[in-house]
Amino acid sequence: MNRERLSALAHTRHPIASPISDDEVQRLLDRSIPHEDAAVLDLGCGGAEWLIRALAAYPKLRAVGVDTSEFALSRARAAATERGVADRLTLHQQSATEFPATAEFDTVLCIGSTHAFDGLTDTLAALRTHVRPGGRALIGDAYWESEPTPAALEIFGDLPDLPELLDQVISAGWTPTHGHTSTRGELDAYEWSWTGSLAEWALDHPEDPDQAEALAAAATHRDEWLRDYRHSFGFACVVLRA
């Protein structure tokens, strides 16, 4: 099954694509956007849900999203048009690492996409090249809340704990000014939505050639979550000042 299609189906009911509640998403945006007519960049924007919500909340805001996936950007264009913000959203299909650094944005987002820069440290360095002097960034990244199982390490790799994550932020020259660590309820809601949406689609489309693979993917993901990483995986969003 096409990975992009699988992800789109799994995020049907949770388009923000991160383990964060809608209220917390808005609070993070409010703390990240310095004024109503800000220019905001999202590197690795996927379906651009963060930007679309920001545009809806701030009628004078301008936004730019960058992602390699034409599938995700097509969904972003459709969603932006449906919600009446397409005229203030510009999307670029290219690698986040290749997007020109012009230091013209008030806020730069990178939520769950630090892999595009081969990790958090290089992501933090890249964000500085895009943000205006005195600007802000909003990052979202995974960490270990407790000692991971060998299976969890196999799935996610060598993550820092939360103090180590913030040490990397500060060492890169940023100052944290706000943050949110996803609660157990948010993490569980995200996983139930991911696995449930995919399974529900598979059950509703028994004749689709991807049906069996989607159902198997939902079952595998649910098993890994419950058995391997539910009690060790954490996710944090941090607002930073340059």
Protein backbone atom coordinates (compact mmCIF):
# COMPACT_ATOMS: atom_id res chain seq x y z
CA MET A 1 0.00 0.00 0.00
CA ASN A 2 1.26 3.46 -0.87
CA ARG A 3 2.72 4.90 2.35
CA GLU A 4 1.26 8.34 1.74
CA ARG A 5 -2.22 6.94 1.20
CA LEU A 6 -1.90 4.83 4.33
CA SER A 7 -0.89 7.88 6.40
CA ALA A 8 -3.72 9.99 4.97
CA LEU A 9 -6.28 7.33 5.85
CA ALA A 10 -4.84 6.83 9.34
CA HIS A 11 -5.04 10.59 10.03
CA THR A 12 -8.59 11.01 8.71
CA ARG A 13 -9.96 11.99 12.13
CA HIS A 14 -6.76 13.52 13.48
CA PRO A 15 -5.40 15.76 10.70
CA ILE A 16 -2.95 17.62 12.94
CA ALA A 17 -0.94 14.35 12.69
CA SER A 18 0.63 14.75 16.14
CA PRO A 19 -0.45 13.57 19.61
CA ILE A 20 -1.79 16.98 20.62
CA SER A 21 -5.34 18.09 21.41
CA ASP A 22 -7.01 20.82 19.38
CA ASP A 23 -6.97 23.23 22.35
CA GLU A 24 -3.24 22.73 22.87
CA VAL A 25 -2.55 23.21 19.15
CA GLN A 26 -4.21 26.61 19.32
CA ARG A 27 -2.34 27.55 22.50
CA LEU A 28 0.97 26.62 20.90
CA LEU A 29 0.18 28.69 17.82
CA ASP A 30 -0.85 31.65 19.96
CA ARG A 31 2.46 31.51 21.84
CA SER A 32 4.45 31.09 18.62
CA ILE A 33 2.93 33.84 16.45
CA PRO A 34 4.12 37.28 17.58
CA HIS A 35 1.58 39.47 15.76
CA GLU A 36 -1.51 39.20 13.56
CA ASP A 37 0.23 39.86 10.23
CA ALA A 38 3.13 37.49 10.84
CA ALA A 39 4.82 35.44 8.13
CA VAL A 40 4.97 31.76 9.11
CA LEU A 41 6.94 28.91 7.54
CA ASP A 42 6.35 25.19 8.15
CA LEU A 43 9.20 22.88 7.11
CA GLY A 44 7.85 19.39 6.50
CA CYS A 45 4.27 20.64 6.57
CA GLY A 46 2.54 17.48 5.30
CA GLY A 47 -1.12 18.38 4.87
CA ALA A 48 -0.39 21.88 6.26
CA GLU A 49 -2.96 21.54 9.06
CA TRP A 50 -0.88 23.69 11.45
CA LEU A 51 -0.70 26.47 8.88
CA ILE A 52 -4.37 26.24 7.92
CA ARG A 53 -5.40 26.58 11.55
CA ALA A 54 -3.06 29.53 12.01
CA LEU A 55 -4.46 31.22 8.91
CA ALA A 56 -8.01 30.68 10.13
CA ALA A 57 -7.19 32.21 13.52
CA TYR A 58 -5.17 35.16 12.16
CA PRO A 59 -6.85 36.77 9.11
CA LYS A 60 -3.79 38.88 8.24
CA LEU A 61 -1.24 36.09 8.56
CA ARG A 62 0.69 34.75 5.54
CA ALA A 63 1.99 31.18 5.47
CA VAL A 64 4.40 29.05 3.48
CA GLY A 65 4.55 25.26 3.63
CA VAL A 66 7.32 23.01 2.34
CA ASP A 67 7.06 19.25 1.83
CA THR A 68 8.31 16.63 -0.60
CA SER A 69 4.96 14.88 -0.93
CA GLU A 70 2.72 15.99 -3.78
CA PHE A 71 0.00 13.76 -2.28
CA ALA A 72 0.10 15.66 1.03
CA LEU A 73 0.33 19.06 -0.66
CA SER A 74 -2.68 18.27 -2.84
CA ARG A 75 -4.66 17.52 0.29
CA ALA A 76 -3.38 20.76 1.81
CA ARG A 77 -4.53 22.79 -1.19
CA ALA A 78 -7.98 21.24 -1.06
CA ALA A 79 -8.32 21.81 2.70
CA ALA A 80 -7.11 25.41 2.44
CA THR A 81 -9.61 26.12 -0.33
CA GLU A 82 -12.45 24.50 1.60
CA ARG A 83 -11.68 26.60 4.67
CA GLY A 84 -11.21 29.86 2.77
CA VAL A 85 -7.52 30.52 3.42
CA ALA A 86 -5.91 29.37 0.16
CA ASP A 87 -5.14 32.93 -0.98
CA ARG A 88 -2.72 33.38 1.94
CA LEU A 89 -1.02 29.96 1.75
CA THR A 90 1.92 29.18 -0.55
CA LEU A 91 3.09 25.59 -0.87
CA HIS A 92 6.40 24.30 -2.24
CA GLN A 93 7.11 20.71 -3.20
CA GLN A 94 10.77 20.30 -2.30
CA SER A 95 13.04 19.08 0.44
CA ALA A 96 13.01 21.22 3.58
CA THR A 97 16.81 21.14 3.50
CA GLU A 98 16.81 22.81 0.07
CA PHE A 99 14.31 25.58 0.76
CA PRO A 100 16.13 28.95 0.41
CA ALA A 101 17.18 30.50 3.71
CA THR A 102 16.16 34.16 3.60
CA ALA A 103 15.55 34.95 7.30
CA GLU A 104 12.21 36.53 6.41
CA PHE A 105 9.81 34.63 8.67
CA ASP A 106 8.52 35.66 12.06
CA THR A 107 7.81 32.06 13.03
CA VAL A 108 9.16 28.77 11.71
CA LEU A 109 7.48 25.44 12.50
CA CYS A 110 8.91 21.94 12.33
CA ILE A 111 6.56 19.48 14.02
CA GLY A 112 7.47 15.81 13.83
CA SER A 113 9.75 16.42 10.84
CA THR A 114 13.23 16.67 12.32
CA HIS A 115 14.13 13.52 10.36
CA ALA A 116 14.20 15.75 7.26
CA PHE A 117 17.35 17.35 8.70
CA ASP A 118 18.80 14.11 10.12
CA GLY A 119 17.88 15.00 13.68
CA LEU A 120 17.06 17.76 16.14
CA THR A 121 20.47 19.45 16.25
CA ASP A 122 20.64 20.08 12.51
CA THR A 123 16.97 21.08 12.51
CA LEU A 124 17.60 23.76 15.13
CA ALA A 125 20.52 25.13 13.12
CA ALA A 126 18.42 25.22 9.95
CA LEU A 127 15.54 27.04 11.63
CA ARG A 128 17.83 29.91 12.57
CA THR A 129 18.55 30.56 8.89
CA HIS A 130 14.85 31.07 8.13
CA VAL A 131 13.71 33.19 11.07
CA ARG A 132 14.02 36.97 11.36
CA PRO A 133 16.23 38.39 14.12
CA GLY A 134 14.23 38.04 17.32
CA GLY A 135 11.87 35.56 15.66
CA ARG A 136 10.39 32.37 17.02
CA ALA A 137 10.28 28.69 16.26
CA LEU A 138 7.94 25.88 17.22
CA ILE A 139 9.42 22.40 17.19
CA GLY A 140 7.79 19.07 17.97
CA ASP A 141 9.85 15.98 18.59
CA ALA A 142 9.81 12.62 20.33
CA TYR A 143 11.66 11.66 23.52
CA TRP A 144 11.79 8.78 25.96
CA GLU A 145 9.64 9.26 29.05
CA SER A 146 11.10 6.10 30.60
CA GLU A 147 13.54 3.35 29.71
CA PRO A 148 12.48 1.96 26.33
CA THR A 149 12.14 -1.69 25.51
CA PRO A 150 14.49 -3.17 22.89
CA ALA A 151 11.52 -3.30 20.53
CA ALA A 152 10.78 0.40 21.09
CA LEU A 153 14.41 1.25 20.33
CA GLU A 154 14.12 -0.74 17.14
CA ILE A 155 11.05 1.26 16.10
CA PHE A 156 12.14 4.80 17.03
CA GLY A 157 15.90 4.73 17.44
CA ASP A 158 17.99 6.42 20.10
CA LEU A 159 15.80 9.29 21.37
CA PRO A 160 16.85 11.70 24.13
CA ASP A 161 14.95 12.09 27.36
CA LEU A 162 13.20 15.43 27.91
CA PRO A 163 16.08 17.18 29.75
CA GLU A 164 18.49 16.07 27.02
CA LEU A 165 16.10 17.37 24.35
CA LEU A 166 16.05 20.80 25.99
CA ASP A 167 19.84 20.72 26.43
CA GLN A 168 20.12 20.35 22.64
CA VAL A 169 17.78 23.30 22.14
CA ILE A 170 19.76 25.56 24.45
CA SER A 171 23.13 24.44 23.07
CA ALA A 172 21.92 25.44 19.61
CA GLY A 173 21.40 29.03 20.79
CA TRP A 174 17.64 28.98 21.36
CA THR A 175 15.72 29.92 24.51
CA PRO A 176 12.57 27.94 25.36
CA THR A 177 9.67 30.24 26.26
CA HIS A 178 6.74 27.80 26.31
CA GLY A 179 6.13 24.12 25.81
CA HIS A 180 3.71 21.26 25.95
CA THR A 181 4.42 17.62 26.73
CA SER A 182 1.70 15.40 25.35
CA THR A 183 -0.37 13.77 28.05
CA ARG A 184 -1.11 10.07 28.22
CA GLY A 185 -4.63 10.92 27.11
CA GLU A 186 -3.37 12.79 24.04
CA LEU A 187 -0.92 10.03 23.14
CA ASP A 188 -3.55 7.32 23.52
CA ALA A 189 -6.17 9.34 21.61
CA TYR A 190 -3.74 9.74 18.74
CA GLU A 191 -2.94 6.02 18.59
CA TRP A 192 -6.59 4.96 18.86
CA SER A 193 -7.46 7.39 16.08
CA TRP A 194 -4.56 6.24 13.86
CA THR A 195 -5.28 2.54 14.16
CA GLY A 196 -9.05 2.90 14.31
CA SER A 197 -9.38 5.16 11.27
CA LEU A 198 -7.28 2.81 9.16
CA ALA A 199 -9.14 -0.29 10.34
CA GLU A 200 -12.51 1.38 9.81
CA TRP A 201 -11.60 2.34 6.25
CA ALA A 202 -10.51 -1.24 5.55
CA LEU A 203 -13.75 -2.67 6.89
CA ASP A 204 -15.78 -0.18 4.82
CA HIS A 205 -13.89 -0.99 1.59
CA PRO A 206 -13.66 -4.79 1.38
CA GLU A 207 -13.21 -4.72 -2.42
CA ASP A 208 -10.30 -2.27 -2.42
CA PRO A 209 -6.97 -3.94 -3.36
CA ASP A 210 -5.31 -2.25 -0.37
CA GLN A 211 -7.93 -3.46 2.11
CA ALA A 212 -6.05 -6.43 3.56
CA GLU A 213 -2.79 -4.52 3.86
CA ALA A 214 -4.49 -1.60 5.60
CA LEU A 215 -6.16 -3.90 8.11
CA ALA A 216 -2.85 -5.66 8.78
CA ALA A 217 -1.02 -2.34 9.18
CA ALA A 218 -3.59 -1.16 11.73
CA ALA A 219 -3.24 -4.39 13.71
CA THR A 220 0.57 -4.29 13.65
CA HIS A 221 0.70 -0.65 14.70
CA ARG A 222 -1.79 -1.22 17.52
CA ASP A 223 0.21 -4.19 18.79
CA GLU A 224 3.50 -2.26 18.74
CA TRP A 225 1.92 0.68 20.54
CA LEU A 226 0.34 -1.39 23.30
CA ARG A 227 3.16 -3.89 23.82
CA ASP A 228 6.35 -2.03 22.89
CA TYR A 229 6.27 1.73 23.42
CA ARG A 230 3.06 2.96 25.11
CA HIS A 231 4.75 3.46 28.48
CA SER A 232 8.04 4.94 27.25
CA PHE A 233 7.29 7.16 24.24
CA GLY A 234 6.80 10.89 24.77
CA PHE A 235 6.25 13.90 22.50
CA ALA A 236 7.02 17.52 23.26
CA CYS A 237 6.37 20.81 21.48
CA VAL A 238 8.56 23.73 22.46
CA VAL A 239 8.27 27.41 21.55
CA LEU A 240 11.70 28.97 21.07
CA ARG A 241 13.08 32.48 20.77
CA ALA A 242 16.18 33.10 18.68
